[in-house]
Amino acid sequence: ITDRIHAFSGISDSVEASGRTQVTFSADIVTGEDGTVSIGSITASQDVDPSHVQLTVTDVPSEDYAAACLWSDGEEAIAGILPDEPGVYLLTIAVAEDDSFTGASQFRFVVSPS
């Protein structure tokens, strides 16, 4: 993610073309009473190295907001990429730079006005 590129692509190599093992992710996205959002937990369908998994949050549809971190960066870093402003956002969790695994999962969530 740079000033000119606002999102990590949710498209990953096909399993057949890459010979890699497919990974899907689940995320427990929690909305607080004040409208803020947090991620309670993230799980993967395969035992993938968290340092090879990138989390990206972008706003929908304008892509004025974009932030990313690695899963291995920990809870504080993940909390740091979550937006404060009301709106609709997309969380993309994707395998990046791994020779054994491929896959991405996306989740929409809403940050409500407080």
PDB file of N, CA and C in Angstrom:
ATOM      1  N   ILE A   1       0.854  -1.177   0.000  1.00  0.00           N
ATOM      2  CA  ILE A   1       0.000   0.000   0.000  1.00  0.00           C
ATOM      3  C   ILE A   1       0.891   1.228   0.000  1.00  0.00           C
ATOM      4  N   THR A   2       0.616   2.112  -0.915  1.00  0.00           N
ATOM      5  CA  THR A   2       1.359   3.364  -1.031  1.00  0.00           C
ATOM      6  C   THR A   2       0.353   4.492  -1.177  1.00  0.00           C
ATOM      7  N   ASP A   3       0.847   5.721  -1.374  1.00  0.00           N
ATOM      8  CA  ASP A   3      -0.054   6.845  -1.600  1.00  0.00           C
ATOM      9  C   ASP A   3      -0.868   6.669  -2.873  1.00  0.00           C
ATOM     10  N   ARG A   4      -0.339   5.928  -3.842  1.00  0.00           N
ATOM     11  CA  ARG A   4      -1.024   5.753  -5.120  1.00  0.00           C
ATOM     12  C   ARG A   4      -1.803   4.444  -5.206  1.00  0.00           C
ATOM     13  N   ILE A   5      -1.426   3.448  -4.419  1.00  0.00           N
ATOM     14  CA  ILE A   5      -2.108   2.154  -4.425  1.00  0.00           C
ATOM     15  C   ILE A   5      -2.799   1.998  -3.084  1.00  0.00           C
ATOM     16  N   HIS A   6      -4.109   1.861  -3.107  1.00  0.00           N
ATOM     17  CA  HIS A   6      -4.886   1.901  -1.874  1.00  0.00           C
ATOM     18  C   HIS A   6      -5.369   0.555  -1.367  1.00  0.00           C
ATOM     19  N   ALA A   7      -5.066  -0.533  -2.036  1.00  0.00           N
ATOM     20  CA  ALA A   7      -5.598  -1.806  -1.574  1.00  0.00           C
ATOM     21  C   ALA A   7      -4.710  -2.960  -1.976  1.00  0.00           C
ATOM     22  N   PHE A   8      -4.674  -3.948  -1.128  1.00  0.00           N
ATOM     23  CA  PHE A   8      -4.035  -5.219  -1.456  1.00  0.00           C
ATOM     24  C   PHE A   8      -5.051  -6.028  -2.231  1.00  0.00           C
ATOM     25  N   SER A   9      -4.675  -6.595  -3.346  1.00  0.00           N
ATOM     26  CA  SER A   9      -5.619  -7.342  -4.174  1.00  0.00           C
ATOM     27  C   SER A   9      -6.136  -8.563  -3.442  1.00  0.00           C
ATOM     28  N   GLY A  10      -7.441  -8.790  -3.526  1.00  0.00           N
ATOM     29  CA  GLY A  10      -8.053  -9.972  -2.943  1.00  0.00           C
ATOM     30  C   GLY A  10      -7.949 -11.184  -3.854  1.00  0.00           C
ATOM     31  N   ILE A  11      -7.324 -11.019  -5.005  1.00  0.00           N
ATOM     32  CA  ILE A  11      -7.180 -12.124  -5.945  1.00  0.00           C
ATOM     33  C   ILE A  11      -5.874 -12.840  -5.656  1.00  0.00           C
ATOM     34  N   SER A  12      -5.928 -14.152  -5.581  1.00  0.00           N
ATOM     35  CA  SER A  12      -4.725 -14.932  -5.315  1.00  0.00           C
ATOM     36  C   SER A  12      -4.571 -15.997  -6.392  1.00  0.00           C
ATOM     37  N   ASP A  13      -3.412 -16.625  -6.421  1.00  0.00           N
ATOM     38  CA  ASP A  13      -3.153 -17.684  -7.397  1.00  0.00           C
ATOM     39  C   ASP A  13      -4.169 -18.801  -7.249  1.00  0.00           C
ATOM     40  N   SER A  14      -4.586 -19.374  -8.378  1.00  0.00           N
ATOM     41  CA  SER A  14      -5.479 -20.528  -8.290  1.00  0.00           C
ATOM     42  C   SER A  14      -4.682 -21.719  -7.781  1.00  0.00           C
ATOM     43  N   VAL A  15      -5.357 -22.600  -7.094  1.00  0.00           N
ATOM     44  CA  VAL A  15      -4.707 -23.773  -6.525  1.00  0.00           C
ATOM     45  C   VAL A  15      -4.124 -24.640  -7.642  1.00  0.00           C
ATOM     46  N   GLU A  16      -4.898 -24.831  -8.702  1.00  0.00           N
ATOM     47  CA  GLU A  16      -4.445 -25.679  -9.802  1.00  0.00           C
ATOM     48  C   GLU A  16      -3.203 -25.112 -10.481  1.00  0.00           C
ATOM     49  N   ALA A  17      -3.204 -23.812 -10.742  1.00  0.00           N
ATOM     50  CA  ALA A  17      -2.088 -23.182 -11.447  1.00  0.00           C
ATOM     51  C   ALA A  17      -0.833 -23.093 -10.590  1.00  0.00           C
ATOM     52  N   SER A  18      -1.007 -22.910  -9.292  1.00  0.00           N
ATOM     53  CA  SER A  18       0.148 -22.680  -8.435  1.00  0.00           C
ATOM     54  C   SER A  18       0.697 -23.949  -7.795  1.00  0.00           C
ATOM     55  N   GLY A  19      -0.145 -24.977  -7.652  1.00  0.00           N
ATOM     56  CA  GLY A  19       0.283 -26.172  -6.941  1.00  0.00           C
ATOM     57  C   GLY A  19       0.337 -25.969  -5.441  1.00  0.00           C
ATOM     58  N   ARG A  20      -0.197 -24.858  -4.974  1.00  0.00           N
ATOM     59  CA  ARG A  20      -0.190 -24.536  -3.547  1.00  0.00           C
ATOM     60  C   ARG A  20      -1.468 -25.027  -2.881  1.00  0.00           C
ATOM     61  N   THR A  21      -1.445 -25.093  -1.562  1.00  0.00           N
ATOM     62  CA  THR A  21      -2.601 -25.494  -0.777  1.00  0.00           C
ATOM     63  C   THR A  21      -3.495 -24.284  -0.537  1.00  0.00           C
ATOM     64  N   GLN A  22      -4.800 -24.441  -0.774  1.00  0.00           N
ATOM     65  CA  GLN A  22      -5.773 -23.363  -0.580  1.00  0.00           C
ATOM     66  C   GLN A  22      -5.992 -23.093   0.904  1.00  0.00           C
ATOM     67  N   VAL A  23      -6.006 -21.817   1.269  1.00  0.00           N
ATOM     68  CA  VAL A  23      -6.280 -21.391   2.642  1.00  0.00           C
ATOM     69  C   VAL A  23      -7.463 -20.439   2.625  1.00  0.00           C
ATOM     70  N   THR A  24      -8.392 -20.634   3.548  1.00  0.00           N
ATOM     71  CA  THR A  24      -9.453 -19.657   3.775  1.00  0.00           C
ATOM     72  C   THR A  24      -9.321 -19.151   5.205  1.00  0.00           C
ATOM     73  N   PHE A  25      -9.818 -17.973   5.439  1.00  0.00           N
ATOM     74  CA  PHE A  25      -9.708 -17.342   6.749  1.00  0.00           C
ATOM     75  C   PHE A  25     -11.090 -17.020   7.289  1.00  0.00           C
ATOM     76  N   SER A  26     -11.202 -16.992   8.612  1.00  0.00           N
ATOM     77  CA  SER A  26     -12.403 -16.479   9.262  1.00  0.00           C
ATOM     78  C   SER A  26     -11.953 -15.408  10.243  1.00  0.00           C
ATOM     79  N   ALA A  27     -12.811 -14.418  10.428  1.00  0.00           N
ATOM     80  CA  ALA A  27     -12.493 -13.319  11.337  1.00  0.00           C
ATOM     81  C   ALA A  27     -13.721 -13.018  12.176  1.00  0.00           C
ATOM     82  N   ASP A  28     -13.514 -12.878  13.463  1.00  0.00           N
ATOM     83  CA  ASP A  28     -14.578 -12.521  14.396  1.00  0.00           C
ATOM     84  C   ASP A  28     -14.560 -10.995  14.525  1.00  0.00           C
ATOM     85  N   ILE A  29     -15.426 -10.337  13.760  1.00  0.00           N
ATOM     86  CA  ILE A  29     -15.487  -8.876  13.775  1.00  0.00           C
ATOM     87  C   ILE A  29     -16.575  -8.456  14.756  1.00  0.00           C
ATOM     88  N   VAL A  30     -16.196  -7.668  15.754  1.00  0.00           N
ATOM     89  CA  VAL A  30     -17.084  -7.297  16.848  1.00  0.00           C
ATOM     90  C   VAL A  30     -17.361  -5.796  16.802  1.00  0.00           C
ATOM     91  N   THR A  31     -18.646  -5.434  16.846  1.00  0.00           N
ATOM     92  CA  THR A  31     -19.033  -4.029  16.892  1.00  0.00           C
ATOM     93  C   THR A  31     -19.427  -3.684  18.317  1.00  0.00           C
ATOM     94  N   GLY A  32     -18.771  -2.685  18.881  1.00  0.00           N
ATOM     95  CA  GLY A  32     -19.062  -2.263  20.246  1.00  0.00           C
ATOM     96  C   GLY A  32     -20.315  -1.401  20.319  1.00  0.00           C
ATOM     97  N   GLU A  33     -20.789  -1.181  21.517  1.00  0.00           N
ATOM     98  CA  GLU A  33     -21.982  -0.352  21.727  1.00  0.00           C
ATOM     99  C   GLU A  33     -21.784   1.072  21.227  1.00  0.00           C
ATOM    100  N   ASP A  34     -20.535   1.527  21.201  1.00  0.00           N
ATOM    101  CA  ASP A  34     -20.245   2.886  20.738  1.00  0.00           C
ATOM    102  C   ASP A  34     -20.051   2.957  19.215  1.00  0.00           C
ATOM    103  N   GLY A  35     -20.253   1.835  18.502  1.00  0.00           N
ATOM    104  CA  GLY A  35     -20.133   1.811  17.048  1.00  0.00           C
ATOM    105  C   GLY A  35     -18.755   1.457  16.535  1.00  0.00           C
ATOM    106  N   THR A  36     -17.765   1.372  17.422  1.00  0.00           N
ATOM    107  CA  THR A  36     -16.420   1.011  16.990  1.00  0.00           C
ATOM    108  C   THR A  36     -16.344  -0.479  16.683  1.00  0.00           C
ATOM    109  N   VAL A  37     -15.363  -0.852  15.895  1.00  0.00           N
ATOM    110  CA  VAL A  37     -15.193  -2.234  15.458  1.00  0.00           C
ATOM    111  C   VAL A  37     -13.853  -2.753  15.947  1.00  0.00           C
ATOM    112  N   SER A  38     -13.843  -4.036  16.337  1.00  0.00           N
ATOM    113  CA  SER A  38     -12.587  -4.703  16.691  1.00  0.00           C
ATOM    114  C   SER A  38     -12.601  -6.097  16.083  1.00  0.00           C
ATOM    115  N   ILE A  39     -11.436  -6.694  15.979  1.00  0.00           N
ATOM    116  CA  ILE A  39     -11.333  -8.059  15.487  1.00  0.00           C
ATOM    117  C   ILE A  39     -10.982  -8.935  16.671  1.00  0.00           C
ATOM    118  N   GLY A  40     -11.933  -9.811  17.032  1.00  0.00           N
ATOM    119  CA  GLY A  40     -11.752 -10.663  18.195  1.00  0.00           C
ATOM    120  C   GLY A  40     -10.777 -11.795  17.953  1.00  0.00           C
ATOM    121  N   SER A  41     -10.871 -12.435  16.798  1.00  0.00           N
ATOM    122  CA  SER A  41      -9.963 -13.533  16.480  1.00  0.00           C
ATOM    123  C   SER A  41      -9.916 -13.750  14.978  1.00  0.00           C
ATOM    124  N   ILE A  42      -8.817 -14.336  14.533  1.00  0.00           N
ATOM    125  CA  ILE A  42      -8.629 -14.707  13.132  1.00  0.00           C
ATOM    126  C   ILE A  42      -8.165 -16.153  13.127  1.00  0.00           C
ATOM    127  N   THR A  43      -8.765 -16.956  12.259  1.00  0.00           N
ATOM    128  CA  THR A  43      -8.327 -18.342  12.123  1.00  0.00           C
ATOM    129  C   THR A  43      -8.125 -18.654  10.649  1.00  0.00           C
ATOM    130  N   ALA A  44      -7.252 -19.624  10.386  1.00  0.00           N
ATOM    131  CA  ALA A  44      -6.967 -20.068   9.022  1.00  0.00           C
ATOM    132  C   ALA A  44      -7.319 -21.543   8.901  1.00  0.00           C
ATOM    133  N   SER A  45      -7.745 -21.944   7.708  1.00  0.00           N
ATOM    134  CA  SER A  45      -8.120 -23.341   7.479  1.00  0.00           C
ATOM    135  C   SER A  45      -6.912 -24.262   7.387  1.00  0.00           C
ATOM    136  N   GLN A  46      -5.737 -23.702   7.216  1.00  0.00           N
ATOM    137  CA  GLN A  46      -4.488 -24.469   7.149  1.00  0.00           C
ATOM    138  C   GLN A  46      -3.475 -23.820   8.091  1.00  0.00           C
ATOM    139  N   ASP A  47      -2.434 -24.545   8.426  1.00  0.00           N
ATOM    140  CA  ASP A  47      -1.402 -24.044   9.332  1.00  0.00           C
ATOM    141  C   ASP A  47      -0.399 -23.189   8.549  1.00  0.00           C
ATOM    142  N   VAL A  48      -0.792 -21.932   8.288  1.00  0.00           N
ATOM    143  CA  VAL A  48       0.041 -21.014   7.515  1.00  0.00           C
ATOM    144  C   VAL A  48       0.805 -20.092   8.470  1.00  0.00           C
ATOM    145  N   ASP A  49       2.025 -19.738   8.104  1.00  0.00           N
ATOM    146  CA  ASP A  49       2.864 -18.853   8.909  1.00  0.00           C
ATOM    147  C   ASP A  49       2.225 -17.461   8.962  1.00  0.00           C
ATOM    148  N   PRO A  50       1.878 -16.948  10.155  1.00  0.00           N
ATOM    149  CA  PRO A  50       1.240 -15.630  10.263  1.00  0.00           C
ATOM    150  C   PRO A  50       2.065 -14.490   9.671  1.00  0.00           C
ATOM    151  N   SER A  51       3.369 -14.665   9.553  1.00  0.00           N
ATOM    152  CA  SER A  51       4.184 -13.609   8.951  1.00  0.00           C
ATOM    153  C   SER A  51       4.021 -13.565   7.438  1.00  0.00           C
ATOM    154  N   HIS A  52       3.288 -14.537   6.871  1.00  0.00           N
ATOM    155  CA  HIS A  52       3.023 -14.572   5.433  1.00  0.00           C
ATOM    156  C   HIS A  52       1.575 -14.208   5.119  1.00  0.00           C
ATOM    157  N   VAL A  53       0.867 -13.664   6.115  1.00  0.00           N
ATOM    158  CA  VAL A  53      -0.544 -13.314   5.938  1.00  0.00           C
ATOM    159  C   VAL A  53      -0.710 -11.816   6.167  1.00  0.00           C
ATOM    160  N   GLN A  54      -1.269 -11.140   5.162  1.00  0.00           N
ATOM    161  CA  GLN A  54      -1.471  -9.699   5.241  1.00  0.00           C
ATOM    162  C   GLN A  54      -2.942  -9.386   5.455  1.00  0.00           C
ATOM    163  N   LEU A  55      -3.218  -8.428   6.348  1.00  0.00           N
ATOM    164  CA  LEU A  55      -4.565  -7.914   6.580  1.00  0.00           C
ATOM    165  C   LEU A  55      -4.616  -6.507   6.024  1.00  0.00           C
ATOM    166  N   THR A  56      -5.620  -6.230   5.205  1.00  0.00           N
ATOM    167  CA  THR A  56      -5.784  -4.909   4.617  1.00  0.00           C
ATOM    168  C   THR A  56      -7.208  -4.450   4.836  1.00  0.00           C
ATOM    169  N   VAL A  57      -7.376  -3.196   5.237  1.00  0.00           N
ATOM    170  CA  VAL A  57      -8.694  -2.603   5.397  1.00  0.00           C
ATOM    171  C   VAL A  57      -8.793  -1.429   4.430  1.00  0.00           C
ATOM    172  N   THR A  58      -9.861  -1.424   3.620  1.00  0.00           N
ATOM    173  CA  THR A  58     -10.151  -0.306   2.726  1.00  0.00           C
ATOM    174  C   THR A  58     -11.604   0.093   2.906  1.00  0.00           C
ATOM    175  N   ASP A  59     -11.902   1.358   2.601  1.00  0.00           N
ATOM    176  CA  ASP A  59     -13.297   1.762   2.658  1.00  0.00           C
ATOM    177  C   ASP A  59     -13.979   1.415   1.339  1.00  0.00           C
ATOM    178  N   VAL A  60     -15.295   1.283   1.390  1.00  0.00           N
ATOM    179  CA  VAL A  60     -16.077   0.889   0.226  1.00  0.00           C
ATOM    180  C   VAL A  60     -17.071   1.999  -0.065  1.00  0.00           C
ATOM    181  N   PRO A  61     -17.184   2.493  -1.259  1.00  0.00           N
ATOM    182  CA  PRO A  61     -16.453   2.093  -2.461  1.00  0.00           C
ATOM    183  C   PRO A  61     -15.296   3.005  -2.815  1.00  0.00           C
ATOM    184  N   SER A  62     -15.071   4.082  -2.084  1.00  0.00           N
ATOM    185  CA  SER A  62     -14.169   5.131  -2.563  1.00  0.00           C
ATOM    186  C   SER A  62     -12.685   4.828  -2.446  1.00  0.00           C
ATOM    187  N   GLU A  63     -12.301   3.959  -1.552  1.00  0.00           N
ATOM    188  CA  GLU A  63     -10.907   3.645  -1.287  1.00  0.00           C
ATOM    189  C   GLU A  63     -10.092   4.875  -0.867  1.00  0.00           C
ATOM    190  N   ASP A  64     -10.716   5.757  -0.080  1.00  0.00           N
ATOM    191  CA  ASP A  64      -9.981   6.880   0.505  1.00  0.00           C
ATOM    192  C   ASP A  64      -9.219   6.438   1.745  1.00  0.00           C
ATOM    193  N   TYR A  65      -9.649   5.319   2.323  1.00  0.00           N
ATOM    194  CA  TYR A  65      -8.990   4.788   3.518  1.00  0.00           C
ATOM    195  C   TYR A  65      -8.360   3.448   3.179  1.00  0.00           C
ATOM    196  N   ALA A  66      -7.106   3.284   3.538  1.00  0.00           N
ATOM    197  CA  ALA A  66      -6.433   1.998   3.359  1.00  0.00           C
ATOM    198  C   ALA A  66      -5.348   1.870   4.419  1.00  0.00           C
ATOM    199  N   ALA A  67      -5.291   0.688   5.037  1.00  0.00           N
ATOM    200  CA  ALA A  67      -4.261   0.399   6.034  1.00  0.00           C
ATOM    201  C   ALA A  67      -4.010  -1.098   6.013  1.00  0.00           C
ATOM    202  N   ALA A  68      -2.774  -1.484   6.330  1.00  0.00           N
ATOM    203  CA  ALA A  68      -2.429  -2.907   6.279  1.00  0.00           C
ATOM    204  C   ALA A  68      -1.395  -3.245   7.337  1.00  0.00           C
ATOM    205  N   CYS A  69      -1.374  -4.522   7.698  1.00  0.00           N
ATOM    206  CA  CYS A  69      -0.351  -5.059   8.583  1.00  0.00           C
ATOM    207  C   CYS A  69      -0.270  -6.564   8.350  1.00  0.00           C
ATOM    208  N   LEU A  70       0.717  -7.186   8.933  1.00  0.00           N
ATOM    209  CA  LEU A  70       0.826  -8.637   8.885  1.00  0.00           C
ATOM    210  C   LEU A  70       0.120  -9.229  10.101  1.00  0.00           C
ATOM    211  N   TRP A  71      -0.420 -10.416   9.933  1.00  0.00           N
ATOM    212  CA  TRP A  71      -1.084 -11.115  11.042  1.00  0.00           C
ATOM    213  C   TRP A  71      -0.105 -11.289  12.196  1.00  0.00           C
ATOM    214  N   SER A  72       1.145 -11.544  11.890  1.00  0.00           N
ATOM    215  CA  SER A  72       2.158 -11.766  12.927  1.00  0.00           C
ATOM    216  C   SER A  72       2.510 -10.499  13.700  1.00  0.00           C
ATOM    217  N   ASP A  73       2.084  -9.330  13.222  1.00  0.00           N
ATOM    218  CA  ASP A  73       2.369  -8.079  13.929  1.00  0.00           C
ATOM    219  C   ASP A  73       1.621  -7.986  15.253  1.00  0.00           C
ATOM    220  N   GLY A  74       0.557  -8.794  15.415  1.00  0.00           N
ATOM    221  CA  GLY A  74      -0.136  -8.871  16.697  1.00  0.00           C
ATOM    222  C   GLY A  74      -1.381  -8.020  16.800  1.00  0.00           C
ATOM    223  N   GLU A  75      -2.064  -8.193  17.925  1.00  0.00           N
ATOM    224  CA  GLU A  75      -3.355  -7.560  18.162  1.00  0.00           C
ATOM    225  C   GLU A  75      -3.292  -6.034  18.107  1.00  0.00           C
ATOM    226  N   GLU A  76      -2.236  -5.450  18.644  1.00  0.00           N
ATOM    227  CA  GLU A  76      -2.128  -3.995  18.655  1.00  0.00           C
ATOM    228  C   GLU A  76      -2.023  -3.439  17.240  1.00  0.00           C
ATOM    229  N   ALA A  77      -1.231  -4.088  16.398  1.00  0.00           N
ATOM    230  CA  ALA A  77      -1.096  -3.647  15.008  1.00  0.00           C
ATOM    231  C   ALA A  77      -2.409  -3.820  14.251  1.00  0.00           C
ATOM    232  N   ILE A  78      -3.097  -4.934  14.481  1.00  0.00           N
ATOM    233  CA  ILE A  78      -4.377  -5.170  13.825  1.00  0.00           C
ATOM    234  C   ILE A  78      -5.393  -4.116  14.263  1.00  0.00           C
ATOM    235  N   ALA A  79      -5.438  -3.825  15.549  1.00  0.00           N
ATOM    236  CA  ALA A  79      -6.340  -2.777  16.040  1.00  0.00           C
ATOM    237  C   ALA A  79      -5.988  -1.429  15.420  1.00  0.00           C
ATOM    238  N   GLY A  80      -4.708  -1.214  15.155  1.00  0.00           N
ATOM    239  CA  GLY A  80      -4.244   0.051  14.587  1.00  0.00           C
ATOM    240  C   GLY A  80      -4.670   0.290  13.148  1.00  0.00           C
ATOM    241  N   ILE A  81      -5.017  -0.770  12.411  1.00  0.00           N
ATOM    242  CA  ILE A  81      -5.446  -0.568  11.021  1.00  0.00           C
ATOM    243  C   ILE A  81      -6.951  -0.396  10.892  1.00  0.00           C
ATOM    244  N   LEU A  82      -7.682  -0.587  11.990  1.00  0.00           N
ATOM    245  CA  LEU A  82      -9.140  -0.453  11.937  1.00  0.00           C
ATOM    246  C   LEU A  82      -9.533   1.018  11.965  1.00  0.00           C
ATOM    247  N   PRO A  83     -10.490   1.412  11.126  1.00  0.00           N
ATOM    248  CA  PRO A  83     -10.873   2.819  11.020  1.00  0.00           C
ATOM    249  C   PRO A  83     -11.734   3.294  12.182  1.00  0.00           C
ATOM    250  N   ASP A  84     -11.706   4.615  12.404  1.00  0.00           N
ATOM    251  CA  ASP A  84     -12.542   5.256  13.423  1.00  0.00           C
ATOM    252  C   ASP A  84     -13.753   5.946  12.806  1.00  0.00           C
ATOM    253  N   GLU A  85     -13.630   6.353  11.551  1.00  0.00           N
ATOM    254  CA  GLU A  85     -14.681   7.117  10.886  1.00  0.00           C
ATOM    255  C   GLU A  85     -15.844   6.212  10.484  1.00  0.00           C
ATOM    256  N   PRO A  86     -17.080   6.692  10.617  1.00  0.00           N
ATOM    257  CA  PRO A  86     -18.236   5.907  10.186  1.00  0.00           C
ATOM    258  C   PRO A  86     -18.148   5.585   8.699  1.00  0.00           C
ATOM    259  N   GLY A  87     -18.603   4.393   8.331  1.00  0.00           N
ATOM    260  CA  GLY A  87     -18.614   3.999   6.925  1.00  0.00           C
ATOM    261  C   GLY A  87     -18.607   2.500   6.768  1.00  0.00           C
ATOM    262  N   VAL A  88     -18.596   2.072   5.507  1.00  0.00           N
ATOM    263  CA  VAL A  88     -18.534   0.660   5.162  1.00  0.00           C
ATOM    264  C   VAL A  88     -17.104   0.357   4.745  1.00  0.00           C
ATOM    265  N   TYR A  89     -16.571  -0.752   5.243  1.00  0.00           N
ATOM    266  CA  TYR A  89     -15.172  -1.105   5.005  1.00  0.00           C
ATOM    267  C   TYR A  89     -15.066  -2.568   4.585  1.00  0.00           C
ATOM    268  N   LEU A  90     -13.928  -2.896   3.992  1.00  0.00           N
ATOM    269  CA  LEU A  90     -13.647  -4.258   3.555  1.00  0.00           C
ATOM    270  C   LEU A  90     -12.337  -4.710   4.181  1.00  0.00           C
ATOM    271  N   LEU A  91     -12.393  -5.820   4.903  1.00  0.00           N
ATOM    272  CA  LEU A  91     -11.199  -6.447   5.459  1.00  0.00           C
ATOM    273  C   LEU A  91     -10.810  -7.589   4.525  1.00  0.00           C
ATOM    274  N   THR A  92      -9.593  -7.541   4.013  1.00  0.00           N
ATOM    275  CA  THR A  92      -9.065  -8.626   3.180  1.00  0.00           C
ATOM    276  C   THR A  92      -7.942  -9.293   3.948  1.00  0.00           C
ATOM    277  N   ILE A  93      -8.036 -10.600   4.109  1.00  0.00           N
ATOM    278  CA  ILE A  93      -6.992 -11.397   4.750  1.00  0.00           C
ATOM    279  C   ILE A  93      -6.455 -12.314   3.664  1.00  0.00           C
ATOM    280  N   ALA A  94      -5.163 -12.204   3.356  1.00  0.00           N
ATOM    281  CA  ALA A  94      -4.619 -12.940   2.219  1.00  0.00           C
ATOM    282  C   ALA A  94      -3.214 -13.449   2.487  1.00  0.00           C
ATOM    283  N   VAL A  95      -2.925 -14.606   1.921  1.00  0.00           N
ATOM    284  CA  VAL A  95      -1.568 -15.151   1.967  1.00  0.00           C
ATOM    285  C   VAL A  95      -0.711 -14.323   1.021  1.00  0.00           C
ATOM    286  N   ALA A  96       0.428 -13.894   1.496  1.00  0.00           N
ATOM    287  CA  ALA A  96       1.352 -13.116   0.675  1.00  0.00           C
ATOM    288  C   ALA A  96       2.740 -13.755   0.761  1.00  0.00           C
ATOM    289  N   GLU A  97       3.356 -13.943  -0.375  1.00  0.00           N
ATOM    290  CA  GLU A  97       4.734 -14.442  -0.441  1.00  0.00           C
ATOM    291  C   GLU A  97       4.942 -15.755   0.312  1.00  0.00           C
ATOM    292  N   ASP A  98       4.208 -16.773  -0.085  1.00  0.00           N
ATOM    293  CA  ASP A  98       4.372 -18.097   0.520  1.00  0.00           C
ATOM    294  C   ASP A  98       4.356 -19.125  -0.599  1.00  0.00           C
ATOM    295  N   ASP A  99       5.351 -19.995  -0.635  1.00  0.00           N
ATOM    296  CA  ASP A  99       5.461 -20.986  -1.701  1.00  0.00           C
ATOM    297  C   ASP A  99       4.562 -22.202  -1.497  1.00  0.00           C
ATOM    298  N   SER A 100       3.978 -22.356  -0.307  1.00  0.00           N
ATOM    299  CA  SER A 100       3.173 -23.539  -0.002  1.00  0.00           C
ATOM    300  C   SER A 100       1.672 -23.288  -0.014  1.00  0.00           C
ATOM    301  N   PHE A 101       1.244 -22.039   0.264  1.00  0.00           N
ATOM    302  CA  PHE A 101      -0.170 -21.739   0.434  1.00  0.00           C
ATOM    303  C   PHE A 101      -0.614 -20.580  -0.445  1.00  0.00           C
ATOM    304  N   THR A 102      -1.894 -20.538  -0.767  1.00  0.00           N
ATOM    305  CA  THR A 102      -2.502 -19.417  -1.473  1.00  0.00           C
ATOM    306  C   THR A 102      -3.929 -19.249  -0.967  1.00  0.00           C
ATOM    307  N   GLY A 103      -4.450 -18.050  -1.027  1.00  0.00           N
ATOM    308  CA  GLY A 103      -5.833 -17.839  -0.639  1.00  0.00           C
ATOM    309  C   GLY A 103      -6.076 -16.473  -0.053  1.00  0.00           C
ATOM    310  N   ALA A 104      -7.330 -16.044  -0.139  1.00  0.00           N
ATOM    311  CA  ALA A 104      -7.751 -14.763   0.419  1.00  0.00           C
ATOM    312  C   ALA A 104      -9.211 -14.861   0.813  1.00  0.00           C
ATOM    313  N   SER A 105      -9.583 -14.159   1.872  1.00  0.00           N
ATOM    314  CA  SER A 105     -10.972 -14.057   2.308  1.00  0.00           C
ATOM    315  C   SER A 105     -11.258 -12.588   2.573  1.00  0.00           C
ATOM    316  N   GLN A 106     -12.492 -12.167   2.255  1.00  0.00           N
ATOM    317  CA  GLN A 106     -12.865 -10.773   2.450  1.00  0.00           C
ATOM    318  C   GLN A 106     -14.129 -10.678   3.295  1.00  0.00           C
ATOM    319  N   PHE A 107     -14.188  -9.627   4.123  1.00  0.00           N
ATOM    320  CA  PHE A 107     -15.305  -9.411   5.037  1.00  0.00           C
ATOM    321  C   PHE A 107     -15.681  -7.937   5.021  1.00  0.00           C
ATOM    322  N   ARG A 108     -16.961  -7.651   4.812  1.00  0.00           N
ATOM    323  CA  ARG A 108     -17.455  -6.270   4.912  1.00  0.00           C
ATOM    324  C   ARG A 108     -17.878  -6.012   6.349  1.00  0.00           C
ATOM    325  N   PHE A 109     -17.639  -4.792   6.799  1.00  0.00           N
ATOM    326  CA  PHE A 109     -18.117  -4.402   8.120  1.00  0.00           C
ATOM    327  C   PHE A 109     -18.436  -2.919   8.116  1.00  0.00           C
ATOM    328  N   VAL A 110     -19.211  -2.488   9.101  1.00  0.00           N
ATOM    329  CA  VAL A 110     -19.659  -1.105   9.194  1.00  0.00           C
ATOM    330  C   VAL A 110     -19.191  -0.505  10.503  1.00  0.00           C
ATOM    331  N   VAL A 111     -18.638   0.692  10.423  1.00  0.00           N
ATOM    332  CA  VAL A 111     -18.347   1.483  11.612  1.00  0.00           C
ATOM    333  C   VAL A 111     -19.495   2.491  11.714  1.00  0.00           C
ATOM    334  N   SER A 112     -20.255   2.405  12.797  1.00  0.00           N
ATOM    335  CA  SER A 112     -21.434   3.258  12.976  1.00  0.00           C
ATOM    336  C   SER A 112     -21.054   4.567  13.642  1.00  0.00           C
ATOM    337  N   PRO A 113     -21.824   5.624  13.359  1.00  0.00           N
ATOM    338  CA  PRO A 113     -21.575   6.874  14.094  1.00  0.00           C
ATOM    339  C   PRO A 113     -21.818   6.656  15.578  1.00  0.00           C
ATOM    340  N   SER A 114     -21.004   7.303  16.424  1.00  0.00           N
ATOM    341  CA  SER A 114     -21.185   7.126  17.873  1.00  0.00           C
ATOM    342  C   SER A 114     -22.233   8.044  18.420  1.00  0.00           C
TER     343      SER A 114
END
